[in-house]
């Protein structure tokens, strides 16, 4: 069982001596005053960046506040030592210290902000992790380099990352949660953080009218969920979006058999079992009193976003054609070999593909047999044409048709949704920029996964990039493009960063930039056009509310 640690206890456990030594040589303190108190961060003198880490933006969702909508922080924290990340929200993975008291955010800004008395655009990062894991302390997403590079190219921004609840703490469903209006809590955590920024980011030198949301995988899904929230209502919380490898999963009602079973497990498998026939309110009262260890040990596996009639009213593949979304400038992208994270392996016969394709990846219901058959026929058997792409006939996994399976699953889960979103936004006249990440890092250890989901993250933030000229240069270019988009809603950095071609909007030509350390290029977005269009027309919409 993973150990849960209170948020302030974590800070006490820090090595005070090491921190004093570091501060004396590399950092100095800096303070910002907001409604709840004084936030005391640190200045990284080597990079010229000020960091304010682990700032609570909500009342702790613990005790009677477990499984409730988070509320804005009411108490004063006096002077907050904001010099390290708060604990991660409890998740399905071991990702360091965790706690239910996890609703914090982090802010990076150029040191020059306070002196210049300016208001800078803001990029807000939402991590991925299938809505079951993820954390802001992930070293891939540390934003010092991004903030520094934004200043170096003359387009300074402030970067913010947000912790939000995941798994059964943030995405629990069931009839009882529906009755009490307690669905999609993790995404509502994000929404509350965005409102916190509207009230507080000016104190840090940020412009609340110039917020761009960025995220990968479930983070990207979260962002387009905010775009279509409340039927596409524009609350003025953001003006741009960056969607990295987001899916377009068919959403369902919150009381499906799997969702309900997960909720019921917290009653029938725990000391709450005498309340099996009680009211929804009584059941939740008991669940909130369960020891954390018992809750984690007994809860079922099926959690996720659902249609709640308020924040989430329909699936993205329904909302976009209906125009029910906030129309903001958007970057939408995917990686070349997405399917290696979602496809089955050991597939040797076409018949062995039928069942996994029918069940899909996070699908609420099986695809019809005729849809499955037609889709499989649109993808060639030849491994030379499969995923991971550009690897010839070399078998990288046991099955003869594994590359075909990877092609199909990658297109269903990420590539098809990215193309669908880009096409629809462009048709609606929304400025949209499409990319494909096509670079295999020099230190790649698992070649069989290729350029898979998440491969772009180190390059987006210029963190943990191989000490290799081509990798370092690509990272700088991509980080600069992301910062430029947050600053101007245009990813083109011009002469400030040589080597990148002009990145055109995605229009009738369907042009996309293909990022590669050995030379990026502009290409039409037409890979596997028949298969992906079939997915857009017949697969993504199947079963979606």
Protein backbone atom coordinates (compact mmCIF):
# COMPACT_ATOMS: atom_id res chain seq x y z
CA UNK A 1 0.00 0.00 0.00
CA UNK A 2 1.37 3.40 -0.96
CA UNK A 3 1.92 5.74 1.94
CA UNK A 4 -0.15 8.92 2.10
CA UNK A 5 1.54 11.96 3.61
CA UNK A 6 -0.10 15.27 4.65
CA UNK A 7 0.94 18.15 2.46
CA UNK A 8 2.72 20.24 5.09
CA UNK A 9 4.38 17.23 6.71
CA UNK A 10 6.16 16.57 3.43
CA UNK A 11 7.82 19.96 3.59
CA UNK A 12 8.99 19.42 7.15
CA UNK A 13 10.76 16.27 6.03
CA UNK A 14 12.92 18.14 3.54
CA UNK A 15 16.62 18.27 4.16
CA UNK A 16 17.01 21.73 5.68
CA UNK A 17 20.79 21.66 5.55
CA UNK A 18 20.90 20.78 1.84
CA UNK A 19 18.37 23.47 1.06
CA UNK A 20 20.38 26.11 2.95
CA UNK A 21 23.51 25.14 1.05
CA UNK A 22 21.69 25.24 -2.29
CA UNK A 23 20.05 28.58 -1.55
CA UNK A 24 23.33 30.15 -0.59
CA UNK A 25 24.88 29.32 -3.95
CA UNK A 26 22.06 29.09 -6.50
CA UNK A 27 18.81 30.62 -5.24
CA UNK A 28 17.27 33.49 -3.33
CA UNK A 29 13.79 33.92 -1.93
CA UNK A 30 11.03 35.98 -3.53
CA UNK A 31 7.58 36.82 -2.20
CA UNK A 32 4.16 37.47 -3.72
CA UNK A 33 1.11 38.58 -1.74
CA UNK A 34 -2.31 37.14 -2.58
CA UNK A 35 -5.65 36.97 -0.76
CA UNK A 36 -4.77 33.84 1.24
CA UNK A 37 -1.36 35.07 2.41
CA UNK A 38 2.22 35.50 1.28
CA UNK A 39 3.69 32.99 -1.14
CA UNK A 40 7.43 32.76 -0.69
CA UNK A 41 9.13 31.16 -3.66
CA UNK A 42 12.72 30.90 -4.80
CA UNK A 43 14.75 32.44 -7.59
CA UNK A 44 16.91 30.11 -9.63
CA UNK A 45 19.75 32.52 -10.25
CA UNK A 46 21.36 30.24 -12.83
CA UNK A 47 18.34 30.41 -15.14
CA UNK A 48 16.79 33.70 -14.06
CA UNK A 49 13.50 31.99 -13.19
CA UNK A 50 11.37 32.36 -10.07
CA UNK A 51 9.44 29.32 -8.85
CA UNK A 52 6.41 29.15 -6.57
CA UNK A 53 5.66 25.50 -5.91
CA UNK A 54 2.92 23.64 -4.07
CA UNK A 55 0.43 26.51 -3.74
CA UNK A 56 -2.97 25.23 -2.48
CA UNK A 57 -5.87 26.48 -4.59
CA UNK A 58 -8.69 24.65 -2.79
CA UNK A 59 -9.74 23.45 0.61
CA UNK A 60 -8.23 19.99 1.19
CA UNK A 61 -10.62 17.32 -0.21
CA UNK A 62 -10.23 15.12 2.86
CA UNK A 63 -12.56 13.78 5.52
CA UNK A 64 -16.09 14.95 4.82
CA UNK A 65 -14.80 16.73 1.68
CA UNK A 66 -13.68 13.45 0.08
CA UNK A 67 -15.68 12.81 -3.10
CA UNK A 68 -17.12 16.32 -3.16
CA UNK A 69 -16.59 19.18 -5.55
CA UNK A 70 -13.56 21.12 -4.43
CA UNK A 71 -14.20 24.59 -3.06
CA UNK A 72 -11.96 27.63 -3.19
CA UNK A 73 -9.41 27.98 -0.41
CA UNK A 74 -10.99 29.98 2.39
CA UNK A 75 -8.35 29.91 5.11
CA UNK A 76 -5.26 32.07 5.26
CA UNK A 77 -1.97 30.20 5.14
CA UNK A 78 0.04 33.15 6.44
CA UNK A 79 3.44 32.80 4.82
CA UNK A 80 3.70 29.72 2.61
CA UNK A 81 7.15 28.32 1.91
CA UNK A 82 6.50 27.53 -1.75
CA UNK A 83 9.84 25.91 -2.47
CA UNK A 84 8.87 22.35 -3.37
CA UNK A 85 6.07 20.47 -5.09
CA UNK A 86 3.11 19.36 -3.04
CA UNK A 87 2.27 15.64 -2.89
CA UNK A 88 0.72 13.95 -5.88
CA UNK A 89 -2.95 13.03 -5.90
CA UNK A 90 -3.47 9.36 -5.13
CA UNK A 91 -3.12 7.34 -8.30
CA UNK A 92 -2.79 3.92 -9.84
CA UNK A 93 0.99 4.27 -10.13
CA UNK A 94 3.83 4.75 -7.70
CA UNK A 95 4.82 8.35 -8.38
CA UNK A 96 6.35 9.59 -5.17
CA UNK A 97 4.67 10.98 -2.04
CA UNK A 98 0.88 11.01 -2.37
CA UNK A 99 -1.99 12.42 -0.39
CA UNK A 100 -5.69 13.14 -0.66
CA UNK A 101 -4.66 16.68 0.27
CA UNK A 102 -3.14 17.34 -3.14
CA UNK A 103 -4.91 20.24 -4.82
CA UNK A 104 -1.96 22.51 -5.45
CA UNK A 105 -0.48 24.36 -8.40
CA UNK A 106 2.97 25.59 -9.37
CA UNK A 107 4.09 28.80 -11.04
CA UNK A 108 7.27 29.64 -12.96
CA UNK A 109 7.99 33.19 -14.10
CA UNK A 110 10.97 35.12 -15.47
CA UNK A 111 12.77 37.06 -12.73
CA UNK A 112 12.39 40.19 -14.83
CA UNK A 113 8.59 40.24 -14.39
CA UNK A 114 8.53 42.03 -11.05
CA UNK A 115 11.06 44.62 -12.18
CA UNK A 116 9.37 45.30 -15.51
CA UNK A 117 5.86 45.58 -14.05
CA UNK A 118 4.30 43.80 -17.04
CA UNK A 119 1.52 41.26 -17.50
CA UNK A 120 2.67 38.13 -19.31
CA UNK A 121 0.68 35.46 -21.15
CA UNK A 122 0.20 32.24 -19.18
CA UNK A 123 0.53 28.59 -20.23
CA UNK A 124 -1.28 26.11 -17.95
CA UNK A 125 -0.12 22.48 -18.08
CA UNK A 126 -2.46 19.54 -17.33
CA UNK A 127 -0.68 16.18 -17.04
CA UNK A 128 -1.78 12.94 -18.67
CA UNK A 129 -2.17 9.47 -17.22
CA UNK A 130 -5.52 8.05 -18.45
CA UNK A 131 -7.28 9.98 -15.65
CA UNK A 132 -5.88 7.37 -13.26
CA UNK A 133 -2.38 8.75 -12.67
CA UNK A 134 -0.13 11.74 -13.34
CA UNK A 135 1.49 14.42 -11.20
CA UNK A 136 2.97 17.90 -11.49
CA UNK A 137 6.31 16.81 -10.01
CA UNK A 138 6.97 14.67 -13.08
CA UNK A 139 10.50 15.81 -14.05
CA UNK A 140 9.56 15.76 -17.73
CA UNK A 141 7.16 18.65 -17.09
CA UNK A 142 9.32 20.87 -14.87
CA UNK A 143 8.94 24.29 -16.49
CA UNK A 144 12.17 26.14 -15.72
CA UNK A 145 13.63 25.56 -19.18
CA UNK A 146 10.40 26.47 -20.98
CA UNK A 147 10.09 29.72 -19.04
CA UNK A 148 13.74 30.57 -19.63
CA UNK A 149 13.55 29.83 -23.36
CA UNK A 150 10.44 31.97 -23.71
CA UNK A 151 12.46 34.94 -22.44
CA UNK A 152 15.41 34.10 -24.65
CA UNK A 153 13.28 34.29 -27.80
CA UNK A 154 11.68 37.56 -26.70
CA UNK A 155 8.28 36.03 -25.93
CA UNK A 156 8.26 35.66 -22.14
CA UNK A 157 5.47 33.68 -20.54
CA UNK A 158 4.47 32.38 -17.12
CA UNK A 159 3.96 28.62 -16.81
CA UNK A 160 1.54 26.97 -14.38
CA UNK A 161 0.97 23.27 -13.65
CA UNK A 162 -2.03 21.90 -11.77
CA UNK A 163 -2.56 18.84 -9.58
CA UNK A 164 -6.04 17.34 -9.92
CA UNK A 165 -7.72 14.23 -8.54
CA UNK A 166 -7.70 11.07 -10.64
CA UNK A 167 -9.00 7.50 -10.43
CA UNK A 168 -11.78 6.81 -7.90
CA UNK A 169 -11.07 10.06 -6.03
CA UNK A 170 -11.63 12.23 -9.11
CA UNK A 171 -13.58 10.08 -11.57
CA UNK A 172 -15.94 7.87 -9.55
CA UNK A 173 -19.32 7.20 -11.15
CA UNK A 174 -22.52 5.32 -10.38
CA UNK A 175 -26.18 6.14 -9.74
CA UNK A 176 -25.44 7.52 -6.28
CA UNK A 177 -22.75 9.90 -7.52
CA UNK A 178 -25.16 11.02 -10.24
CA UNK A 179 -27.98 11.64 -7.79
CA UNK A 180 -25.76 13.81 -5.60
CA UNK A 181 -24.16 15.69 -8.50
CA UNK A 182 -20.66 14.42 -7.80
CA UNK A 183 -19.36 13.41 -11.24
CA UNK A 184 -16.15 14.42 -13.05
CA UNK A 185 -14.64 15.83 -9.86
CA UNK A 186 -11.09 15.84 -11.23
CA UNK A 187 -12.01 18.03 -14.17
CA UNK A 188 -13.89 20.34 -11.85
CA UNK A 189 -10.66 20.57 -9.81
CA UNK A 190 -9.01 21.86 -12.97
CA UNK A 191 -11.85 24.31 -13.52
CA UNK A 192 -11.43 25.65 -9.99
CA UNK A 193 -7.70 26.09 -10.56
CA UNK A 194 -8.46 28.10 -13.72
CA UNK A 195 -10.76 30.34 -11.69
CA UNK A 196 -8.01 30.70 -9.06
CA UNK A 197 -5.73 31.96 -11.81
CA UNK A 198 -8.29 34.53 -12.87
CA UNK A 199 -8.25 35.90 -9.33
CA UNK A 200 -4.56 35.56 -8.49
CA UNK A 201 -2.25 35.33 -11.50
CA UNK A 202 -1.98 39.12 -11.85
CA UNK A 203 -0.15 39.19 -8.52
CA UNK A 204 2.51 37.00 -10.13
CA UNK A 205 2.73 39.19 -13.23
CA UNK A 206 0.39 37.14 -15.42
CA UNK A 207 -2.42 38.31 -17.68
CA UNK A 208 -5.67 36.44 -16.86
CA UNK A 209 -7.02 37.33 -20.30
CA UNK A 210 -4.16 35.50 -22.04
CA UNK A 211 -4.29 31.94 -20.71
CA UNK A 212 -3.45 28.96 -22.92
CA UNK A 213 -4.19 25.40 -21.78
CA UNK A 214 -1.73 22.66 -22.73
CA UNK A 215 -1.78 18.96 -21.94
CA UNK A 216 -0.86 15.48 -23.10
CA UNK A 217 -3.04 12.34 -23.36
CA UNK A 218 -5.64 12.65 -20.57
CA UNK A 219 -4.46 16.23 -20.14
CA UNK A 220 -5.43 16.92 -23.75
CA UNK A 221 -8.77 15.19 -23.21
CA UNK A 222 -9.29 17.42 -20.19
CA UNK A 223 -8.60 20.52 -22.25
CA UNK A 224 -11.07 19.77 -25.01
CA UNK A 225 -13.52 18.88 -22.24
CA UNK A 226 -13.15 22.46 -21.00
CA UNK A 227 -13.63 23.67 -24.56
CA UNK A 228 -17.00 21.87 -24.73
CA UNK A 229 -17.93 22.32 -21.05
CA UNK A 230 -21.48 23.35 -20.24
CA UNK A 231 -22.46 23.01 -23.88
CA UNK A 232 -19.59 25.20 -25.10
CA UNK A 233 -20.18 28.06 -22.68
CA UNK A 234 -17.31 30.55 -22.73
CA UNK A 235 -16.42 31.56 -19.16
CA UNK A 236 -13.37 33.51 -20.33
CA UNK A 237 -10.94 31.14 -18.64
CA UNK A 238 -8.60 30.57 -21.60
CA UNK A 239 -7.93 31.81 -25.12
CA UNK A 240 -5.82 28.97 -26.58
CA UNK A 241 -5.36 25.20 -26.39
CA UNK A 242 -2.53 22.73 -27.08
CA UNK A 243 -3.68 19.10 -27.40
CA UNK A 244 -0.88 16.51 -27.40
CA UNK A 245 -1.88 12.90 -28.19
CA UNK A 246 -5.41 13.24 -26.87
CA UNK A 247 -8.02 10.60 -27.62
CA UNK A 248 -11.70 10.92 -28.45
CA UNK A 249 -13.28 8.20 -26.37
CA UNK A 250 -17.05 7.65 -26.63
CA UNK A 251 -18.52 8.91 -23.35
CA UNK A 252 -21.42 7.17 -21.68
CA UNK A 253 -23.85 7.66 -18.86
CA UNK A 254 -22.33 7.35 -15.37
CA UNK A 255 -24.39 4.33 -14.34
CA UNK A 256 -23.05 1.68 -16.71
CA UNK A 257 -22.57 -1.79 -15.25
CA UNK A 258 -18.81 -1.32 -14.91
CA UNK A 259 -19.09 2.15 -13.35
CA UNK A 260 -21.79 1.03 -10.93
CA UNK A 261 -19.80 -2.04 -9.92
CA UNK A 262 -16.84 0.15 -8.98
CA UNK A 263 -19.01 2.32 -6.76
CA UNK A 264 -20.74 -0.71 -5.22
CA UNK A 265 -17.38 -2.21 -4.30
CA UNK A 266 -16.93 0.63 -1.80
CA UNK A 267 -20.09 -0.54 -0.06
CA UNK A 268 -20.29 -4.30 -0.38
CA UNK A 269 -16.57 -4.97 0.13
CA UNK A 270 -16.02 -2.62 3.09
CA UNK A 271 -17.35 -1.85 6.55
CA UNK A 272 -20.08 0.15 4.76
CA UNK A 273 -21.82 -3.10 3.73
CA UNK A 274 -24.74 -2.69 6.20
CA UNK A 275 -25.74 0.39 4.16
CA UNK A 276 -26.25 -1.52 0.90
CA UNK A 277 -29.94 -0.53 0.78
CA UNK A 278 -29.56 2.93 2.26
CA UNK A 279 -29.82 6.32 0.58
CA UNK A 280 -27.11 7.74 -1.67
CA UNK A 281 -26.27 10.35 0.97
CA UNK A 282 -25.82 7.73 3.69
CA UNK A 283 -23.62 5.60 1.43
CA UNK A 284 -21.37 8.54 0.61
CA UNK A 285 -21.15 9.53 4.26
CA UNK A 286 -19.83 6.08 5.08
CA UNK A 287 -17.43 6.00 2.12
CA UNK A 288 -16.00 9.34 3.21
CA UNK A 289 -15.23 7.86 6.63
CA UNK A 290 -13.40 4.81 5.28
CA UNK A 291 -9.69 4.66 6.12
CA UNK A 292 -7.66 5.47 3.04
CA UNK A 293 -6.05 2.02 3.02
CA UNK A 294 -9.44 0.30 3.01
CA UNK A 295 -10.78 2.59 0.30
CA UNK A 296 -7.80 1.90 -1.98
CA UNK A 297 -7.80 -1.83 -1.34
CA UNK A 298 -11.50 -2.41 -2.01
CA UNK A 299 -12.48 0.04 -4.76
CA UNK A 300 -13.12 -1.41 -8.22
CA UNK A 301 -11.14 -0.57 -11.37
CA UNK A 302 -13.62 1.22 -13.64
CA UNK A 303 -13.48 5.00 -13.35
CA UNK A 304 -13.43 7.82 -15.87
CA UNK A 305 -15.18 10.77 -17.43
CA UNK A 306 -18.92 10.43 -18.00
CA UNK A 307 -21.80 12.49 -19.32
CA UNK A 308 -23.11 14.41 -16.33
CA UNK A 309 -25.58 16.79 -17.98
CA UNK A 310 -23.66 19.83 -16.74
CA UNK A 311 -19.92 20.11 -17.19
CA UNK A 312 -19.83 17.21 -19.69
CA UNK A 313 -22.98 17.06 -21.81
CA UNK A 314 -21.79 14.97 -24.73
CA UNK A 315 -18.76 13.34 -26.32
CA UNK A 316 -16.28 15.43 -28.29
CA UNK A 317 -17.23 13.69 -31.54
CA UNK A 318 -20.79 14.95 -31.00
CA UNK A 319 -19.94 18.40 -29.61
CA UNK A 320 -17.65 19.49 -32.44
CA UNK A 321 -20.04 18.98 -35.39
CA UNK A 322 -22.75 20.71 -33.38
CA UNK A 323 -20.50 23.70 -32.75
CA UNK A 324 -20.89 23.23 -29.00
CA UNK A 325 -17.39 24.26 -27.98
CA UNK A 326 -15.36 27.37 -27.22
CA UNK A 327 -13.61 28.33 -30.42
CA UNK A 328 -10.04 29.18 -29.46
CA UNK A 329 -6.78 28.92 -31.40
CA UNK A 330 -5.52 25.35 -31.07
CA UNK A 331 -2.46 23.18 -31.64
CA UNK A 332 -3.41 19.52 -32.05
CA UNK A 333 -0.86 16.79 -32.55
CA UNK A 334 0.10 13.15 -32.32
CA UNK A 335 3.22 11.00 -32.48
CA UNK A 336 4.20 8.69 -35.32
CA UNK A 337 3.92 5.38 -33.45
CA UNK A 338 1.08 6.01 -31.01
CA UNK A 339 -0.34 2.49 -31.31
CA UNK A 340 2.49 0.77 -29.48
CA UNK A 341 1.00 1.83 -26.13
CA UNK A 342 -2.53 0.55 -26.79
CA UNK A 343 -2.40 -2.36 -29.28
CA UNK A 344 -2.32 -6.07 -28.47
CA UNK A 345 0.78 -8.08 -29.36
CA UNK A 346 1.34 -11.67 -30.40
CA UNK A 347 -1.21 -11.38 -33.23
CA UNK A 348 -0.48 -13.86 -36.04
CA UNK A 349 -3.83 -14.22 -37.82
CA UNK A 350 -6.42 -11.72 -38.99
CA UNK A 351 -9.07 -13.55 -36.98
CA UNK A 352 -7.08 -12.82 -33.81
CA UNK A 353 -7.53 -9.10 -34.43
CA UNK A 354 -11.32 -9.18 -34.49
CA UNK A 355 -11.93 -9.43 -30.75
CA UNK A 356 -9.41 -6.79 -29.57
CA UNK A 357 -10.49 -4.33 -32.27
CA UNK A 358 -14.12 -4.91 -31.36
CA UNK A 359 -13.43 -4.27 -27.68
CA UNK A 360 -11.14 -1.39 -28.48
CA UNK A 361 -9.38 0.83 -25.98
CA UNK A 362 -11.60 2.46 -23.34
CA UNK A 363 -14.63 1.66 -25.44
CA UNK A 364 -18.04 1.46 -23.71
CA UNK A 365 -19.37 -1.19 -26.08
CA UNK A 366 -18.17 -3.54 -28.78
CA UNK A 367 -17.99 -2.34 -32.35
CA UNK A 368 -20.37 -4.07 -34.79
CA UNK A 369 -18.84 -7.03 -36.65
CA UNK A 370 -19.24 -5.37 -40.03
CA UNK A 371 -17.41 -2.25 -38.81
CA UNK A 372 -14.56 -4.32 -37.43
CA UNK A 373 -14.24 -6.36 -40.61
CA UNK A 374 -14.24 -3.31 -42.88
CA UNK A 375 -11.69 -1.53 -40.71
CA UNK A 376 -9.27 -4.45 -40.59
CA UNK A 377 -9.44 -4.78 -44.38
CA UNK A 378 -8.34 -1.16 -44.81
CA UNK A 379 -4.94 -1.84 -43.20
CA UNK A 380 -2.27 -3.89 -45.01
CA UNK A 381 -0.74 -7.02 -43.51
CA UNK A 382 2.79 -6.10 -44.61
CA UNK A 383 4.99 -5.29 -41.58
CA UNK A 384 6.90 -2.87 -43.79
CA UNK A 385 3.77 -0.65 -43.82
CA UNK A 386 2.90 -1.09 -40.15
CA UNK A 387 3.65 0.52 -36.80
CA UNK A 388 6.30 1.22 -35.58
CA UNK A 389 6.66 2.79 -39.00
CA UNK A 390 9.86 2.97 -41.03
CA UNK A 391 11.24 -0.21 -39.46
CA UNK A 392 10.93 -2.44 -42.53
CA UNK A 393 10.22 -6.14 -42.16
CA UNK A 394 12.11 -6.46 -38.89
CA UNK A 395 9.92 -8.16 -36.25
CA UNK A 396 10.00 -6.10 -33.07
CA UNK A 397 7.38 -8.10 -31.16
CA UNK A 398 6.28 -11.77 -31.42
CA UNK A 399 3.23 -11.52 -33.69
CA UNK A 400 3.32 -11.49 -37.50
CA UNK A 401 0.46 -8.93 -37.56
CA UNK A 402 1.52 -6.88 -34.55
CA UNK A 403 2.50 -3.92 -36.72
CA UNK A 404 -0.91 -3.99 -38.36
CA UNK A 405 -2.55 -4.04 -34.94
CA UNK A 406 -0.45 -1.06 -33.84
CA UNK A 407 -1.47 0.88 -36.93
CA UNK A 408 -5.16 0.30 -36.29
CA UNK A 409 -5.06 1.05 -32.57
CA UNK A 410 -2.87 4.12 -32.93
CA UNK A 411 -5.27 5.56 -35.50
CA UNK A 412 -8.33 4.81 -33.38
CA UNK A 413 -6.97 6.07 -30.09
CA UNK A 414 -4.95 9.16 -31.04
CA UNK A 415 -4.19 9.86 -34.70
CA UNK A 416 -7.80 9.71 -35.92
CA UNK A 417 -9.10 11.92 -33.11
CA UNK A 418 -6.35 14.50 -33.75
CA UNK A 419 -7.24 14.64 -37.44
CA UNK A 420 -10.96 14.85 -36.66
CA UNK A 421 -10.44 17.75 -34.26
CA UNK A 422 -8.16 19.61 -36.69
CA UNK A 423 -10.53 19.13 -39.60
CA UNK A 424 -13.59 20.34 -37.69
CA UNK A 425 -11.92 23.37 -36.14
CA UNK A 426 -10.49 24.40 -39.51
CA UNK A 427 -13.90 24.06 -41.15
CA UNK A 428 -15.32 26.33 -38.45
CA UNK A 429 -12.68 28.96 -39.18
CA UNK A 430 -10.78 28.39 -35.94
CA UNK A 431 -7.00 28.93 -36.18
CA UNK A 432 -5.60 25.43 -35.80
CA UNK A 433 -2.08 24.10 -36.19
CA UNK A 434 -1.40 20.37 -36.65
CA UNK A 435 1.84 18.53 -35.84
CA UNK A 436 3.29 15.03 -35.90
CA UNK A 437 6.24 14.23 -33.66
CA UNK A 438 8.59 11.99 -35.63
CA UNK A 439 11.86 11.84 -33.72
CA UNK A 440 13.41 8.84 -31.98
CA UNK A 441 15.64 10.08 -29.19
CA UNK A 442 19.31 9.11 -29.21
CA UNK A 443 19.00 7.27 -25.88
CA UNK A 444 15.85 5.29 -26.71
CA UNK A 445 16.00 2.00 -24.82
CA UNK A 446 12.88 0.22 -26.15
CA UNK A 447 13.06 0.39 -29.93
CA UNK A 448 9.95 -1.77 -30.30
CA UNK A 449 7.82 1.07 -28.96
CA UNK A 450 9.06 3.49 -31.59
CA UNK A 451 7.99 7.14 -31.38
CA UNK A 452 5.20 6.32 -29.00
CA UNK A 453 2.79 8.24 -26.78
CA UNK A 454 4.69 10.65 -24.53
CA UNK A 455 7.87 10.63 -26.63
CA UNK A 456 7.47 14.35 -27.27
CA UNK A 457 7.21 15.40 -23.62
CA UNK A 458 10.93 15.91 -22.92
CA UNK A 459 11.17 17.99 -26.09
CA UNK A 460 8.11 20.08 -25.26
CA UNK A 461 9.68 21.19 -21.98
CA UNK A 462 13.39 20.76 -22.90
CA UNK A 463 13.88 18.40 -19.96
CA UNK A 464 15.80 15.11 -19.74
CA UNK A 465 16.77 15.39 -23.41
CA UNK A 466 19.77 13.34 -24.59
CA UNK A 467 23.06 15.25 -24.66
CA UNK A 468 23.11 14.97 -28.41
CA UNK A 469 23.11 17.98 -30.72
CA UNK A 470 20.10 16.93 -32.82
CA UNK A 471 17.99 16.15 -29.74
CA UNK A 472 18.99 19.34 -27.95
CA UNK A 473 18.23 21.49 -30.99
CA UNK A 474 14.82 19.92 -31.60
CA UNK A 475 13.90 20.38 -27.95
CA UNK A 476 14.79 24.07 -28.07
CA UNK A 477 12.76 24.52 -31.25
CA UNK A 478 9.65 22.80 -29.89
CA UNK A 479 9.77 24.54 -26.53
CA UNK A 480 10.13 27.86 -28.32
CA UNK A 481 7.16 27.08 -30.58
CA UNK A 482 4.96 26.21 -27.59
CA UNK A 483 6.01 29.38 -25.78
CA UNK A 484 5.40 31.45 -28.91
CA UNK A 485 1.89 30.04 -29.24
CA UNK A 486 1.11 30.84 -25.61
CA UNK A 487 2.45 34.36 -26.17
CA UNK A 488 0.92 35.20 -29.57
CA UNK A 489 -1.41 32.29 -30.46
CA UNK A 490 1.06 31.63 -33.28
CA UNK A 491 3.75 28.92 -32.93
CA UNK A 492 6.07 30.47 -35.49
CA UNK A 493 9.20 31.84 -33.83
CA UNK A 494 10.75 33.37 -36.93
CA UNK A 495 14.40 34.31 -36.90
CA UNK A 496 14.65 33.88 -33.13
CA UNK A 497 15.01 30.11 -33.58
CA UNK A 498 16.49 29.05 -36.93
CA UNK A 499 15.89 25.66 -38.48
CA UNK A 500 12.11 25.33 -38.29
CA UNK A 501 10.03 25.81 -41.45
CA UNK A 502 7.11 28.22 -41.31
CA UNK A 503 4.24 26.34 -39.63
CA UNK A 504 1.06 27.05 -41.63
CA UNK A 505 -2.46 26.82 -40.33
CA UNK A 506 -4.30 23.60 -40.99
CA UNK A 507 -6.71 24.36 -43.81
CA UNK A 508 -7.87 22.81 -47.07
CA UNK A 509 -4.32 21.66 -47.77
CA UNK A 510 -4.28 19.92 -44.35
CA UNK A 511 -0.66 20.89 -43.85
CA UNK A 512 1.10 19.65 -40.73
CA UNK A 513 4.57 20.18 -39.35
CA UNK A 514 6.55 16.99 -38.86
CA UNK A 515 9.05 17.49 -36.03
CA UNK A 516 12.37 15.70 -36.47
CA UNK A 517 15.79 16.41 -35.03
CA UNK A 518 17.42 15.86 -38.40
CA UNK A 519 15.18 18.34 -40.16
CA UNK A 520 11.52 19.22 -39.61
CA UNK A 521 9.27 19.64 -42.63
CA UNK A 522 5.76 20.55 -43.75
CA UNK A 523 3.73 17.64 -45.10
CA UNK A 524 0.06 16.98 -45.91
CA UNK A 525 -1.86 15.21 -43.16
CA UNK A 526 -2.91 12.28 -45.35
CA UNK A 527 -1.24 9.19 -43.88
CA UNK A 528 -3.52 6.16 -44.10
CA UNK A 529 -6.30 8.43 -45.31
CA UNK A 530 -8.87 5.71 -46.07
CA UNK A 531 -8.47 3.93 -42.75
CA UNK A 532 -8.47 7.09 -40.64
CA UNK A 533 -11.46 8.58 -42.44
CA UNK A 534 -13.35 5.34 -41.84
CA UNK A 535 -12.44 5.59 -38.16
CA UNK A 536 -13.66 9.18 -37.99
CA UNK A 537 -16.94 8.36 -39.72
CA UNK A 538 -17.75 4.99 -38.18
CA UNK A 539 -15.63 4.13 -35.13
CA UNK A 540 -15.24 7.28 -33.06
CA UNK A 541 -18.95 7.98 -33.10
CA UNK A 542 -20.08 4.45 -32.27
CA UNK A 543 -21.55 4.29 -28.75
CA UNK A 544 -20.85 7.95 -27.99
CA UNK A 545 -23.53 9.91 -26.16
